[in-house]
Amino acid sequence: MEKLFKELEYAKKAVISTLEKENCLVDMHGLSYWAGKVERLRKEIKGNL
């Protein structure tokens, strides 16, 4: 579960970075990828609770 929280925190920071900088990529991925990853991780964490 701790791993999921760490992944979620990283993905959330990636979303913020891509929003703040126009042509920013984090790990070669853009906003839509990271936003989808945040949603997937949130659902997975919610299911585990």
C-alpha atoms as a PDB file:
ATOM      1  CA  MET A   1       0.000   0.000   0.000  1.00  0.00           C
ATOM      2  CA  GLU A   2       2.882   2.349   0.797  1.00  0.00           C
ATOM      3  CA  LYS A   3       4.219   1.813  -2.727  1.00  0.00           C
ATOM      4  CA  LEU A   4       0.887   2.925  -4.192  1.00  0.00           C
ATOM      5  CA  PHE A   5       0.931   6.098  -2.110  1.00  0.00           C
ATOM      6  CA  LYS A   6       4.462   6.904  -3.273  1.00  0.00           C
ATOM      7  CA  GLU A   7       3.473   6.315  -6.907  1.00  0.00           C
ATOM      8  CA  LEU A   8       0.400   8.512  -6.459  1.00  0.00           C
ATOM      9  CA  GLU A   9       2.464  11.320  -4.944  1.00  0.00           C
ATOM     10  CA  TYR A  10       4.948  11.149  -7.843  1.00  0.00           C
ATOM     11  CA  ALA A  11       2.135  11.160 -10.413  1.00  0.00           C
ATOM     12  CA  LYS A  12       0.454  14.127  -8.709  1.00  0.00           C
ATOM     13  CA  LYS A  13       3.727  16.083  -8.817  1.00  0.00           C
ATOM     14  CA  ALA A  14       4.094  15.158 -12.487  1.00  0.00           C
ATOM     15  CA  VAL A  15       0.609  16.521 -13.222  1.00  0.00           C
ATOM     16  CA  ILE A  16       1.453  19.789 -11.481  1.00  0.00           C
ATOM     17  CA  SER A  17       4.742  20.076 -13.393  1.00  0.00           C
ATOM     18  CA  THR A  18       3.066  19.513 -16.746  1.00  0.00           C
ATOM     19  CA  LEU A  19       0.417  22.112 -15.905  1.00  0.00           C
ATOM     20  CA  GLU A  20       2.930  24.740 -14.842  1.00  0.00           C
ATOM     21  CA  LYS A  21       5.237  24.399 -17.862  1.00  0.00           C
ATOM     22  CA  GLU A  22       3.803  24.471 -21.350  1.00  0.00           C
ATOM     23  CA  ASN A  23       5.960  21.855 -23.094  1.00  0.00           C
ATOM     24  CA  CYS A  24       6.957  19.836 -20.052  1.00  0.00           C
ATOM     25  CA  LEU A  25       7.289  16.066 -20.175  1.00  0.00           C
ATOM     26  CA  VAL A  26       7.935  13.952 -17.104  1.00  0.00           C
ATOM     27  CA  ASP A  27       9.594  10.627 -17.874  1.00  0.00           C
ATOM     28  CA  MET A  28       8.720  11.239 -21.544  1.00  0.00           C
ATOM     29  CA  HIS A  29       4.973  11.490 -20.785  1.00  0.00           C
ATOM     30  CA  GLY A  30       2.604  14.436 -20.889  1.00  0.00           C
ATOM     31  CA  LEU A  31      -0.389  15.627 -18.906  1.00  0.00           C
ATOM     32  CA  SER A  32      -2.951  13.129 -20.186  1.00  0.00           C
ATOM     33  CA  TYR A  33      -0.762  10.153 -19.261  1.00  0.00           C
ATOM     34  CA  TRP A  34      -0.098  11.402 -15.737  1.00  0.00           C
ATOM     35  CA  ALA A  35      -3.701  12.436 -15.107  1.00  0.00           C
ATOM     36  CA  GLY A  36      -4.824   8.952 -16.148  1.00  0.00           C
ATOM     37  CA  LYS A  37      -2.232   7.389 -13.864  1.00  0.00           C
ATOM     38  CA  VAL A  38      -3.460   9.491 -10.925  1.00  0.00           C
ATOM     39  CA  GLU A  39      -7.027   8.340 -11.517  1.00  0.00           C
ATOM     40  CA  ARG A  40      -5.992   4.691 -11.846  1.00  0.00           C
ATOM     41  CA  LEU A  41      -3.940   4.816  -8.643  1.00  0.00           C
ATOM     42  CA  ARG A  42      -6.731   6.552  -6.727  1.00  0.00           C
ATOM     43  CA  LYS A  43      -9.190   3.817  -7.748  1.00  0.00           C
ATOM     44  CA  GLU A  44      -6.707   1.102  -6.814  1.00  0.00           C
ATOM     45  CA  ILE A  45      -6.054   2.643  -3.389  1.00  0.00           C
ATOM     46  CA  LYS A  46      -9.777   3.143  -2.779  1.00  0.00           C
ATOM     47  CA  GLY A  47     -10.388  -0.504  -3.644  1.00  0.00           C
ATOM     48  CA  ASN A  48      -7.738  -1.614  -1.158  1.00  0.00           C
ATOM     49  CA  LEU A  49      -9.209   0.395   1.723  1.00  0.00           C
END
